[in-house]
N, C-alpha and C. Protein backbone atom coordinates (compact mmCIF):
# COMPACT_ATOMS: atom_id res chain seq x y z
N UNK A 1 9.77 -6.38 -6.67
CA UNK A 1 7.95 -6.33 -6.64
C UNK A 1 7.77 -5.64 -7.85
N UNK A 2 6.00 -5.22 -8.31
CA UNK A 2 5.69 -5.36 -9.36
C UNK A 2 5.79 -3.52 -9.09
N UNK A 3 5.49 -2.91 -10.07
CA UNK A 3 6.06 -0.69 -10.15
C UNK A 3 4.50 -1.33 -9.99
N UNK A 4 3.46 -0.02 -10.01
CA UNK A 4 2.73 0.70 -9.93
C UNK A 4 2.43 2.14 -9.99
N UNK A 5 2.29 2.07 -11.42
CA UNK A 5 2.53 3.57 -12.07
C UNK A 5 0.63 4.53 -12.39
N UNK A 6 0.24 3.42 -12.69
CA UNK A 6 -1.53 3.77 -13.29
C UNK A 6 -2.14 2.26 -13.74
N UNK A 7 -3.07 2.23 -13.35
CA UNK A 7 -4.13 1.26 -12.78
C UNK A 7 -5.95 2.16 -13.32
N UNK A 8 -6.32 0.86 -13.98
CA UNK A 8 -8.25 1.31 -14.24
C UNK A 8 -7.77 0.01 -13.85
N UNK A 9 -8.94 0.23 -13.32
CA UNK A 9 -9.67 -1.72 -12.18
C UNK A 9 -11.25 -1.75 -11.49
N UNK A 10 -11.86 -2.30 -11.91
CA UNK A 10 -13.82 -3.33 -11.67
C UNK A 10 -13.11 -2.45 -9.43
N UNK A 11 -14.66 -2.20 -9.40
CA UNK A 11 -14.30 -1.62 -7.41
C UNK A 11 -15.45 -2.09 -7.11
N UNK A 12 -14.78 -2.63 -5.96
CA UNK A 12 -16.01 -3.27 -5.38
C UNK A 12 -16.18 -2.87 -4.13
N UNK A 13 -17.10 -3.26 -3.31
CA UNK A 13 -17.69 -2.53 -1.85
C UNK A 13 -17.64 -3.49 -0.54
N UNK A 14 -16.35 -2.57 0.04
CA UNK A 14 -16.86 -3.63 1.98
C UNK A 14 -17.27 -2.87 2.42
N UNK A 15 -18.31 -2.95 2.40
CA UNK A 15 -19.18 -1.64 3.07
C UNK A 15 -19.49 -1.58 5.10
N UNK A 16 -18.23 -1.71 5.46
CA UNK A 16 -17.86 -2.38 7.08
C UNK A 16 -16.98 -0.96 7.15
N UNK A 17 -16.95 -0.53 8.84
CA UNK A 17 -15.98 0.05 9.56
C UNK A 17 -15.41 -0.83 10.32
N UNK A 18 -13.90 -0.66 10.26
CA UNK A 18 -12.98 -1.38 11.21
C UNK A 18 -13.54 -3.37 11.03
N UNK A 19 -12.56 -2.98 9.69
CA UNK A 19 -12.85 -4.41 9.20
C UNK A 19 -10.96 -4.52 9.63
N UNK A 20 -11.25 -5.72 10.48
CA UNK A 20 -9.66 -6.13 10.87
C UNK A 20 -8.78 -6.88 10.40
N UNK A 21 -7.87 -7.13 10.39
CA UNK A 21 -7.09 -8.33 9.95
C UNK A 21 -7.61 -9.83 10.12
N UNK A 22 -8.38 -10.56 11.50
CA UNK A 22 -8.67 -11.68 11.25
C UNK A 22 -9.99 -11.95 10.41
N UNK A 23 -10.67 -10.22 10.38
CA UNK A 23 -11.91 -10.82 8.53
C UNK A 23 -11.06 -10.71 7.11
N UNK A 24 -10.17 -9.46 7.68
CA UNK A 24 -8.88 -9.85 6.16
C UNK A 24 -8.48 -11.47 6.32
N UNK A 25 -8.19 -11.40 7.31
CA UNK A 25 -7.64 -12.83 6.62
C UNK A 25 -8.14 -14.31 7.74
N UNK A 26 -8.87 -14.92 8.13
CA UNK A 26 -8.47 -15.64 9.37
C UNK A 26 -7.71 -16.28 10.07
N UNK A 27 -7.28 -16.85 11.09
CA UNK A 27 -6.68 -16.91 11.84
C UNK A 27 -5.86 -17.87 11.54
N UNK A 28 -6.35 -19.22 10.36
CA UNK A 28 -6.01 -20.47 11.02
C UNK A 28 -5.31 -20.98 9.48
N UNK A 29 -5.40 -19.58 8.60
CA UNK A 29 -5.33 -19.33 6.91
C UNK A 29 -2.86 -19.41 7.67
N UNK A 30 -3.02 -18.80 8.39
CA UNK A 30 -1.55 -18.46 8.72
C UNK A 30 -0.40 -19.60 8.43
N UNK A 31 -0.26 -20.88 9.06
CA UNK A 31 -0.14 -21.46 9.23
C UNK A 31 0.95 -21.56 7.78
N UNK A 32 0.29 -20.94 6.32
CA UNK A 32 1.72 -21.18 4.93
C UNK A 32 2.64 -20.55 5.02
N UNK A 33 4.04 -20.67 5.10
CA UNK A 33 5.21 -19.76 4.54
C UNK A 33 5.65 -18.92 4.19
N UNK A 34 5.08 -19.57 2.25
CA UNK A 34 5.36 -18.58 1.80
C UNK A 34 3.97 -17.73 1.57
N UNK A 35 3.69 -15.93 0.59
CA UNK A 35 3.76 -15.36 1.00
C UNK A 35 2.85 -15.41 -0.36
N UNK A 36 2.39 -16.72 -1.51
CA UNK A 36 1.44 -16.77 -2.27
C UNK A 36 -0.14 -17.27 -1.91
N UNK A 37 -1.12 -17.93 -2.70
CA UNK A 37 -1.88 -18.55 -2.13
C UNK A 37 -2.82 -17.98 -0.67
N UNK A 38 -3.14 -17.00 -0.56
CA UNK A 38 -3.76 -16.64 0.40
C UNK A 38 -5.50 -16.20 -0.05
N UNK A 39 -5.37 -15.48 -1.30
CA UNK A 39 -6.44 -14.43 -1.14
C UNK A 39 -7.09 -15.75 -1.68
N UNK A 40 -6.98 -16.69 -2.16
CA UNK A 40 -8.69 -17.87 -1.41
C UNK A 40 -9.12 -17.09 -0.39
N UNK A 41 -7.87 -17.32 0.69
CA UNK A 41 -8.74 -17.41 2.46
C UNK A 41 -9.67 -15.76 2.19
N UNK A 42 -9.37 -15.26 1.58
CA UNK A 42 -9.57 -13.23 1.71
C UNK A 42 -11.07 -13.45 2.21
N UNK A 43 -11.20 -12.55 2.99
CA UNK A 43 -12.61 -12.43 3.94
C UNK A 43 -13.38 -13.76 4.04
N UNK A 44 -12.94 -14.56 4.32
CA UNK A 44 -13.28 -15.88 4.31
C UNK A 44 -14.83 -16.41 5.27
N UNK A 45 -14.11 -15.80 6.09
CA UNK A 45 -15.63 -15.67 6.87
C UNK A 45 -16.92 -15.16 6.48
N UNK A 46 -16.71 -14.23 5.08
CA UNK A 46 -17.68 -13.70 4.99
C UNK A 46 -18.16 -14.04 3.51
N UNK A 47 -17.28 -14.13 2.68
CA UNK A 47 -17.67 -14.27 2.02
C UNK A 47 -18.59 -16.08 1.99
N UNK A 48 -17.82 -17.00 3.00
CA UNK A 48 -18.26 -18.04 2.67
C UNK A 48 -19.57 -18.60 3.94
N UNK A 49 -20.36 -18.83 4.31
CA UNK A 49 -21.44 -20.00 5.30
C UNK A 49 -20.13 -20.74 5.90
N UNK A 50 -20.62 -21.29 6.59
CA UNK A 50 -19.95 -22.86 7.33
C UNK A 50 -20.28 -23.48 6.89
N UNK A 51 -20.91 -24.19 5.67
CA UNK A 51 -21.68 -25.14 5.70
C UNK A 51 -20.58 -25.50 3.81
N UNK A 52 -19.72 -24.10 3.53
CA UNK A 52 -19.32 -23.40 2.11
C UNK A 52 -19.27 -23.21 1.16
N UNK A 53 -20.89 -23.15 1.57
CA UNK A 53 -21.63 -22.93 0.29
C UNK A 53 -20.72 -20.61 -0.26
N UNK A 54 -21.15 -20.06 -1.53
CA UNK A 54 -20.37 -18.80 -1.12
C UNK A 54 -21.99 -17.85 -0.80
N UNK A 55 -21.55 -16.99 0.20
CA UNK A 55 -22.23 -15.98 0.37
C UNK A 55 -23.13 -14.47 -0.36
N UNK A 56 -24.06 -14.84 -1.09
CA UNK A 56 -24.25 -14.73 -1.89
C UNK A 56 -24.28 -13.04 -1.46
N UNK A 57 -24.83 -13.00 -0.90
CA UNK A 57 -24.66 -11.11 0.73
C UNK A 57 -24.03 -10.35 0.89
N UNK A 58 -22.70 -10.44 0.46
CA UNK A 58 -21.43 -10.12 0.69
C UNK A 58 -20.46 -9.34 -0.91
N UNK A 59 -21.03 -8.58 -0.52
CA UNK A 59 -20.90 -7.65 -2.11
C UNK A 59 -20.31 -7.89 -2.32
N UNK A 60 -18.30 -8.22 -2.59
CA UNK A 60 -17.56 -8.10 -3.34
C UNK A 60 -18.22 -9.73 -4.34
N UNK A 61 -18.87 -10.92 -3.68
CA UNK A 61 -19.09 -12.35 -4.26
C UNK A 61 -20.29 -11.57 -5.48
N UNK A 62 -20.93 -10.25 -5.51
CA UNK A 62 -21.87 -10.62 -6.36
C UNK A 62 -20.96 -10.31 -7.92
N UNK A 63 -21.92 -10.36 -8.97
CA UNK A 63 -20.88 -11.43 -10.81
C UNK A 63 -20.95 -10.02 -10.76
N UNK A 64 -21.38 -8.61 -11.06
CA UNK A 64 -21.17 -8.05 -11.18
C UNK A 64 -19.77 -7.06 -10.59
N UNK A 65 -18.97 -7.49 -9.61
CA UNK A 65 -18.08 -6.99 -9.24
C UNK A 65 -16.45 -8.06 -9.61
N UNK A 66 -16.71 -9.03 -10.16
CA UNK A 66 -15.96 -10.32 -10.87
C UNK A 66 -14.89 -9.59 -11.57
N UNK A 67 -13.63 -9.59 -10.55
CA UNK A 67 -12.84 -9.26 -11.29
C UNK A 67 -12.11 -7.97 -11.08
N UNK A 68 -12.34 -6.89 -10.14
CA UNK A 68 -12.73 -5.87 -9.74
C UNK A 68 -10.88 -5.86 -8.95
N UNK A 69 -9.84 -5.06 -9.13
CA UNK A 69 -9.44 -4.96 -8.45
C UNK A 69 -8.44 -3.68 -8.04
N UNK A 70 -10.23 -2.67 -7.10
CA UNK A 70 -10.21 -1.84 -6.53
C UNK A 70 -10.99 -2.02 -5.25
N UNK A 71 -10.10 -1.35 -3.76
CA UNK A 71 -11.72 -2.48 -2.97
C UNK A 71 -11.71 -0.36 -2.10
N UNK A 72 -13.32 -0.73 -1.68
CA UNK A 72 -13.32 0.44 -1.25
C UNK A 72 -13.73 -0.14 0.10
N UNK A 73 -13.70 0.78 1.25
CA UNK A 73 -13.65 0.58 2.36
C UNK A 73 -14.20 1.59 3.70
N UNK A 74 -14.24 1.54 4.81
CA UNK A 74 -14.65 2.17 5.59
C UNK A 74 -13.97 3.10 6.59
N UNK A 75 -14.44 3.39 7.73
CA UNK A 75 -12.83 3.93 8.43
C UNK A 75 -11.70 3.13 9.68
N UNK A 76 -10.28 3.09 9.09
CA UNK A 76 -10.43 1.84 10.53
C UNK A 76 -10.14 0.63 9.98
N UNK A 77 -10.04 0.62 8.70
CA UNK A 77 -9.71 -0.17 7.62
C UNK A 77 -8.22 -1.11 8.06
N UNK A 78 -8.32 -2.72 8.38
CA UNK A 78 -7.56 -3.02 8.74
C UNK A 78 -6.36 -2.98 10.00
N UNK A 79 -7.47 -2.23 11.16
CA UNK A 79 -6.99 -3.09 12.18
C UNK A 79 -7.36 -4.21 12.87
N UNK A 80 -7.20 -4.61 13.78
CA UNK A 80 -6.32 -5.96 14.92
C UNK A 80 -5.22 -6.24 14.81
N UNK A 81 -4.66 -7.28 14.52
CA UNK A 81 -3.24 -8.21 14.44
C UNK A 81 -2.73 -6.72 13.64
N UNK A 82 -1.35 -7.46 13.77
CA UNK A 82 -0.37 -6.21 12.88
C UNK A 82 -0.23 -7.49 11.50
N UNK A 83 -0.88 -8.77 11.42
CA UNK A 83 -0.15 -9.77 9.97
C UNK A 83 -0.29 -9.10 9.26
N UNK A 84 0.91 -9.90 8.72
CA UNK A 84 1.25 -9.67 7.19
C UNK A 84 0.48 -10.01 6.03
N UNK A 85 0.07 -11.37 7.05
CA UNK A 85 0.00 -11.65 5.97
C UNK A 85 -1.99 -10.97 4.72
N UNK A 86 -2.53 -10.20 5.81
CA UNK A 86 -3.66 -9.45 5.47
C UNK A 86 -4.02 -8.83 3.63
N UNK A 87 -2.13 -7.77 3.83
CA UNK A 87 -2.01 -7.23 2.78
C UNK A 87 -1.25 -8.61 1.70
N UNK A 88 -1.30 -9.28 1.97
CA UNK A 88 -0.63 -10.60 0.75
C UNK A 88 -1.98 -11.15 0.28
N UNK A 89 -2.47 -11.02 0.87
CA UNK A 89 -4.15 -12.04 1.28
C UNK A 89 -5.13 -11.44 0.03
N UNK A 90 -4.53 -9.38 0.46
CA UNK A 90 -5.50 -8.85 -0.68
C UNK A 90 -5.39 -8.61 -1.98
N UNK A 91 -3.74 -8.78 -2.67
CA UNK A 91 -2.74 -8.48 -3.42
C UNK A 91 -2.86 -10.01 -3.87
N UNK A 92 -2.59 -10.76 -3.16
CA UNK A 92 -3.14 -12.53 -4.26
C UNK A 92 -4.39 -12.91 -4.89
N UNK A 93 -5.62 -12.00 -4.30
CA UNK A 93 -6.61 -12.11 -4.93
C UNK A 93 -7.75 -11.27 -5.69
N UNK A 94 -6.52 -10.22 -6.35
CA UNK A 94 -6.26 -9.35 -7.30
C UNK A 94 -7.04 -7.97 -7.32
N UNK A 95 -6.51 -7.16 -5.73
CA UNK A 95 -7.09 -6.16 -5.73
C UNK A 95 -5.41 -5.40 -5.42
N UNK A 96 -4.93 -4.00 -6.39
CA UNK A 96 -4.14 -4.01 -6.23
C UNK A 96 -4.00 -2.78 -5.05
N UNK A 97 -5.17 -1.68 -5.59
CA UNK A 97 -5.95 -0.08 -4.85
C UNK A 97 -6.37 -0.39 -3.41
N UNK A 98 -6.56 0.30 -2.34
CA UNK A 98 -7.57 0.34 -1.26
C UNK A 98 -7.84 1.72 -1.71
N UNK A 99 -9.08 1.95 -1.28
CA UNK A 99 -9.52 3.40 -0.85
C UNK A 99 -10.77 3.43 0.00
N UNK A 100 -9.59 4.13 1.32
CA UNK A 100 -10.63 4.09 2.32
C UNK A 100 -10.78 5.28 3.00
N UNK A 101 -11.22 5.59 4.13
CA UNK A 101 -11.16 7.38 4.83
C UNK A 101 -9.97 6.48 5.64
N UNK A 102 -9.53 5.78 6.14
CA UNK A 102 -8.46 5.50 7.07
C UNK A 102 -8.40 4.14 7.76
N UNK A 103 -6.72 4.44 8.00
CA UNK A 103 -5.67 3.01 8.12
C UNK A 103 -5.11 2.44 9.56
N UNK A 104 -5.40 1.12 9.70
CA UNK A 104 -4.48 1.27 10.98
C UNK A 104 -2.69 1.17 10.50
N UNK A 105 -2.48 2.21 10.75
CA UNK A 105 -0.65 2.12 10.92
C UNK A 105 -0.60 1.51 10.15
N UNK A 106 -0.25 -0.01 11.36
CA UNK A 106 0.69 -0.68 10.68
C UNK A 106 0.63 -1.46 9.70
N UNK A 107 -0.67 -1.43 8.94
CA UNK A 107 -1.32 -2.45 8.10
C UNK A 107 -1.49 -1.11 6.58
N UNK A 108 -1.18 -0.20 7.17
CA UNK A 108 -1.07 0.63 6.31
C UNK A 108 0.27 0.95 5.44
N UNK A 109 1.31 0.70 6.58
CA UNK A 109 2.52 0.23 6.61
C UNK A 109 2.96 -0.60 5.42
N UNK A 110 2.11 -2.17 5.74
CA UNK A 110 2.38 -3.10 5.27
C UNK A 110 1.77 -3.48 4.04
N UNK A 111 0.50 -2.65 3.85
CA UNK A 111 1.04 -2.40 2.37
C UNK A 111 1.07 -1.96 0.92
N UNK A 112 2.32 -0.42 1.37
CA UNK A 112 3.27 -0.36 0.26
C UNK A 112 4.42 -1.13 -0.16
N UNK A 113 4.82 -2.03 1.21
CA UNK A 113 5.43 -2.81 1.94
C UNK A 113 4.81 -4.18 0.28
N UNK A 114 4.23 -4.34 0.22
CA UNK A 114 3.69 -5.65 -1.03
C UNK A 114 3.51 -5.04 -2.02
N UNK A 115 3.03 -3.53 -2.88
CA UNK A 115 2.74 -3.22 -4.38
C UNK A 115 1.22 -3.00 -3.62
N UNK A 116 0.67 -3.48 -2.96
CA UNK A 116 -0.12 -2.06 -3.05
C UNK A 116 -0.48 -1.10 -2.74
N UNK A 117 -1.94 -0.12 -2.99
CA UNK A 117 -2.03 1.61 -3.01
C UNK A 117 -3.00 1.64 -1.73
N UNK A 118 -2.97 2.56 -1.12
CA UNK A 118 -4.22 2.23 0.15
C UNK A 118 -3.75 3.56 -0.28
N UNK A 119 -5.41 4.45 -0.15
CA UNK A 119 -5.33 5.75 -0.85
C UNK A 119 -6.68 6.07 0.53
N UNK A 120 -6.24 7.17 0.94
CA UNK A 120 -6.71 8.01 2.14
C UNK A 120 -7.68 9.26 1.57
N UNK A 121 -9.15 8.79 1.54
CA UNK A 121 -10.09 9.79 1.41
C UNK A 121 -10.83 10.60 2.06
N UNK A 122 -11.40 11.39 3.06
CA UNK A 122 -12.30 11.99 2.76
C UNK A 122 -13.97 10.77 2.92
N UNK A 123 -14.68 11.22 4.39
CA UNK A 123 -15.77 10.62 4.01
C UNK A 123 -16.66 10.56 3.85
N UNK A 124 -16.85 11.26 2.72
CA UNK A 124 -17.59 11.94 1.99
C UNK A 124 -17.24 11.81 0.38
N UNK A 125 -15.60 12.15 0.34
CA UNK A 125 -15.25 11.43 -0.66
C UNK A 125 -15.24 10.47 -0.84
N UNK A 126 -15.32 8.52 -0.09
CA UNK A 126 -15.51 7.47 -0.07
C UNK A 126 -17.11 7.40 -0.61
N UNK A 127 -17.61 7.93 0.76
CA UNK A 127 -19.44 7.99 0.17
C UNK A 127 -20.01 8.06 -1.10
N UNK A 128 -19.20 9.23 -1.31
CA UNK A 128 -18.73 9.15 -3.24
C UNK A 128 -19.13 8.20 -4.09
N UNK A 129 -17.26 7.71 -3.34
CA UNK A 129 -17.48 6.03 -4.77
C UNK A 129 -18.91 5.12 -3.82
N UNK A 130 -18.41 5.27 -3.48
CA UNK A 130 -19.80 3.85 -3.06
C UNK A 130 -21.29 3.57 -3.70
N UNK A 131 -21.54 5.23 -3.59
CA UNK A 131 -23.08 5.38 -4.73
C UNK A 131 -22.39 5.75 -6.10
N UNK A 132 -21.13 6.03 -6.50
CA UNK A 132 -20.61 5.42 -8.47
C UNK A 132 -21.06 4.39 -8.44
N UNK A 133 -20.32 3.43 -7.19
CA UNK A 133 -20.06 2.02 -7.10
C UNK A 133 -21.27 1.14 -7.33
N UNK A 134 -22.40 2.16 -6.86
CA UNK A 134 -23.73 1.71 -6.68
C UNK A 134 -24.54 1.34 -8.17
N UNK A 135 -24.76 2.80 -8.63
CA UNK A 135 -25.39 2.91 -10.19
C UNK A 135 -24.63 2.33 -10.72
N UNK A 136 -23.53 2.60 -11.22
CA UNK A 136 -22.92 1.49 -12.16
C UNK A 136 -22.92 0.43 -12.72
N UNK A 137 -23.06 -0.41 -12.49
CA UNK A 137 -22.28 -1.92 -13.35
C UNK A 137 -20.84 -1.77 -13.51
N UNK A 138 -20.55 -2.29 -13.02
CA UNK A 138 -19.00 -2.56 -13.48
C UNK A 138 -18.31 -1.14 -13.23
N UNK A 139 -18.41 -0.84 -11.96
CA UNK A 139 -18.12 0.68 -12.24
C UNK A 139 -16.49 0.74 -11.85
N UNK A 140 -15.65 2.02 -12.66
CA UNK A 140 -13.72 1.79 -12.95
C UNK A 140 -13.62 2.74 -12.25
N UNK A 141 -12.59 2.63 -11.41
CA UNK A 141 -11.81 4.07 -11.76
C UNK A 141 -10.12 3.61 -11.57
N UNK A 142 -9.91 5.07 -12.68
CA UNK A 142 -8.33 5.79 -13.85
C UNK A 142 -7.99 5.78 -11.45
N UNK A 143 -6.66 5.01 -12.11
CA UNK A 143 -5.69 6.00 -10.15
C UNK A 143 -4.48 6.04 -11.57
N UNK A 144 -3.78 7.03 -10.96
CA UNK A 144 -2.72 7.52 -11.17
C UNK A 144 -1.82 8.27 -10.34
N UNK A 145 -1.32 7.32 -9.85
CA UNK A 145 0.06 7.57 -9.03
C UNK A 145 0.69 8.91 -9.38
N UNK A 146 1.18 9.50 -10.42
CA UNK A 146 2.04 9.84 -11.10
C UNK A 146 2.15 11.38 -10.48
N UNK A 147 0.33 11.74 -10.54
CA UNK A 147 0.07 12.65 -10.71
C UNK A 147 -0.71 12.99 -9.35
N UNK A 148 -1.51 11.98 -8.71
CA UNK A 148 -2.08 11.38 -7.66
C UNK A 148 -3.26 11.82 -7.24
N UNK A 149 -3.56 11.02 -8.84
CA UNK A 149 -5.16 11.87 -8.92
C UNK A 149 -6.26 10.18 -9.43
N UNK A 150 -7.70 10.76 -9.14
CA UNK A 150 -8.78 9.20 -9.28
C UNK A 150 -9.50 9.76 -10.37
N UNK A 151 -9.90 9.16 -11.61
CA UNK A 151 -11.03 10.23 -12.62
C UNK A 151 -11.55 8.12 -12.47
N UNK A 152 -13.20 8.83 -13.35
CA UNK A 152 -13.49 7.61 -13.56
C UNK A 152 -14.26 8.23 -15.51
N UNK A 153 -15.10 7.42 -15.79
CA UNK A 153 -15.83 7.68 -16.78
C UNK A 153 -17.13 9.05 -16.69
N UNK A 154 -17.60 8.85 -15.25
CA UNK A 154 -18.28 10.23 -15.23
C UNK A 154 -18.87 11.19 -14.60
N UNK A 155 -16.96 11.84 -14.95
CA UNK A 155 -16.95 13.29 -14.41
C UNK A 155 -16.76 12.94 -13.12
N UNK A 156 -15.41 11.88 -12.38
CA UNK A 156 -14.73 12.04 -11.72
C UNK A 156 -13.97 13.25 -10.92
N UNK A 157 -13.41 13.14 -10.15
CA UNK A 157 -11.41 14.11 -10.71
C UNK A 157 -11.42 13.98 -8.32
N UNK A 158 -10.33 13.35 -8.81
CA UNK A 158 -10.12 13.68 -7.27
C UNK A 158 -8.67 13.53 -6.74
N UNK A 159 -7.92 14.55 -6.09
CA UNK A 159 -6.22 14.03 -6.32
C UNK A 159 -6.74 13.71 -5.41
N UNK A 160 -5.47 13.00 -4.40
CA UNK A 160 -5.47 12.26 -3.07
C UNK A 160 -4.09 13.22 -2.94
N UNK A 161 -3.43 12.48 -1.41
CA UNK A 161 -2.26 13.01 -1.01
C UNK A 161 -1.62 11.44 -0.12
N UNK A 162 0.23 11.54 -0.75
CA UNK A 162 0.73 10.72 -0.49
C UNK A 162 1.82 11.30 -0.02
N UNK A 163 2.62 10.14 1.36
CA UNK A 163 3.91 10.87 1.49
C UNK A 163 4.92 10.27 -0.74
N UNK A 164 5.45 11.69 -0.09
CA UNK A 164 6.82 11.24 -1.70
C UNK A 164 7.70 9.48 -1.34
N UNK A 165 8.06 9.54 0.07
CA UNK A 165 8.34 9.19 -0.05
C UNK A 165 7.81 7.36 -0.28
N UNK A 166 6.90 6.82 -0.03
CA UNK A 166 6.36 5.83 -0.18
C UNK A 166 5.42 5.84 -0.87
N UNK A 167 4.99 6.91 -1.49
CA UNK A 167 4.97 6.98 -3.11
C UNK A 167 6.15 6.51 -4.25
N UNK A 168 7.05 6.72 -4.05
CA UNK A 168 7.99 6.42 -4.82
C UNK A 168 8.85 4.79 -4.55
N UNK A 169 7.96 4.73 -3.34
CA UNK A 169 8.55 2.97 -3.30
C UNK A 169 7.13 2.14 -4.03
N UNK A 170 6.80 2.53 -4.63
CA UNK A 170 5.62 2.38 -5.07
C UNK A 170 6.06 1.98 -6.98
N UNK A 171 5.95 3.93 -7.04
CA UNK A 171 6.24 4.11 -8.61
C UNK A 171 7.64 3.29 -8.85
N UNK A 172 8.71 3.16 -8.06
CA UNK A 172 9.62 2.61 -8.17
C UNK A 172 9.81 0.23 -8.25
N UNK A 173 8.09 0.42 -7.82
CA UNK A 173 8.30 -1.64 -7.31
C UNK A 173 9.23 -2.42 -6.37
N UNK A 174 10.05 -0.52 -5.29
CA UNK A 174 10.38 -1.09 -3.92
C UNK A 174 9.86 -2.14 -2.83
N UNK A 175 11.44 -2.83 -2.85
CA UNK A 175 10.36 -3.04 -1.48
C UNK A 175 11.98 -2.33 -0.19
N UNK A 176 11.03 -3.05 0.71
CA UNK A 176 12.83 -2.80 2.50
C UNK A 176 13.87 -3.29 1.12
N UNK A 177 13.95 -4.23 1.14
CA UNK A 177 15.32 -4.85 0.50
C UNK A 177 15.89 -3.94 -1.15
N UNK A 178 14.61 -3.78 -1.42
CA UNK A 178 14.97 -2.99 -2.52
C UNK A 178 15.05 -1.93 -3.22
N UNK A 179 14.50 -1.10 -2.07
CA UNK A 179 15.51 0.53 -1.23
C UNK A 179 17.59 -0.06 -1.26
N UNK A 180 17.00 -0.42 -0.06
CA UNK A 180 18.74 -1.09 0.36
C UNK A 180 19.37 -1.17 -0.54
N UNK A 181 19.26 -2.30 -1.93
CA UNK A 181 20.08 -2.68 -2.86
C UNK A 181 20.34 -1.14 -3.96
N UNK A 182 19.45 -0.40 -4.26
CA UNK A 182 19.65 -0.14 -4.83
C UNK A 182 21.12 0.88 -4.67
N UNK A 183 22.10 1.05 -2.47
CA UNK A 183 22.90 1.46 -2.29
C UNK A 183 23.62 0.00 -2.28
N UNK A 184 23.54 -0.51 -2.93
CA UNK A 184 24.85 -1.57 -2.92
C UNK A 184 25.83 -1.38 -3.55
N UNK A 185 26.22 -0.18 -4.90
CA UNK A 185 27.81 -0.74 -4.38
C UNK A 185 28.78 0.20 -3.30
N UNK A 186 27.54 1.43 -2.67
CA UNK A 186 28.27 1.76 -1.74
C UNK A 186 28.16 0.69 -0.40
N UNK A 187 26.85 0.08 -0.47
CA UNK A 187 27.35 -1.16 0.68
C UNK A 187 28.80 -2.48 0.80
N UNK A 188 28.97 -2.78 -0.22
CA UNK A 188 30.32 -3.68 -0.92
C UNK A 188 31.84 -2.66 -0.57
N UNK A 189 31.77 -1.32 -1.19
CA UNK A 189 32.95 -0.40 -0.94
C UNK A 189 33.33 -0.18 0.11
N UNK A 190 32.14 -0.35 1.65
CA UNK A 190 32.21 -0.15 2.60
C UNK A 190 32.45 -1.45 3.45
N UNK A 191 31.40 -2.59 3.02
CA UNK A 191 32.22 -3.08 3.65
C UNK A 191 33.94 -3.67 3.53
N UNK A 192 34.63 -3.68 2.23
CA UNK A 192 35.99 -4.12 1.85
C UNK A 192 36.56 -3.19 2.28
N UNK A 193 36.23 -1.37 2.80
CA UNK A 193 37.71 -1.10 3.55
C UNK A 193 37.07 -1.17 5.31
N UNK A 194 35.74 -1.73 5.18
CA UNK A 194 35.44 -2.02 7.67
C UNK A 194 36.55 -3.12 6.49
N UNK A 195 36.99 -4.10 6.47
CA UNK A 195 37.49 -5.47 6.73
C UNK A 195 39.15 -5.45 6.80
N UNK A 196 39.28 -4.37 5.26
CA UNK A 196 40.53 -3.55 5.48
C UNK A 196 40.86 -3.42 6.72
N UNK A 197 40.33 -2.65 7.65
CA UNK A 197 40.52 -1.60 8.34
C UNK A 197 40.71 -2.88 9.88
N UNK A 198 40.34 -4.19 9.78
CA UNK A 198 39.74 -4.94 10.30
C UNK A 198 40.83 -6.02 10.55
N UNK A 199 41.36 -5.84 9.19
CA UNK A 199 42.69 -7.33 9.44
C UNK A 199 44.16 -7.01 9.75
């Protein structure tokens, strides 16, 4: 998993509360067995009309948000079913960070396991980011995970909170397996000792 230390990216808005995982990646696209390739289906029913044409009214489809890697949204992002495909689709599309007032617990945890930084800010702070994103075309945020600070080119500075264990997951680019493998020598020694005892 790629480490997340610092990132600067264009911000795209999804101005909706209760964005559920079926909206993030609709159930008809869950048949793939690999983690890659889900980005093309992200927000599929919002991004496209039924005839397949791009919906120009869906904010992230607008040209000013092309190449965005930071997503902002409203409360309870990632609610609904616990499908891990949702963060897979978000990451595969190119988003490395999500900013919202709150998240569904399972989705929030799955983000860290897949290298996405989900930041929680107050409703007022998120509203300010929406206003800044609307005002400045190509609006970018600088995300410093080492110091837990957000900044922009217009004087913004926001410190955010994050559990230290989860922060280290991202800083070191570790998932659950990678974390376990840090103790590979101790595991091997334990297994060898146990094998000797049962021989």
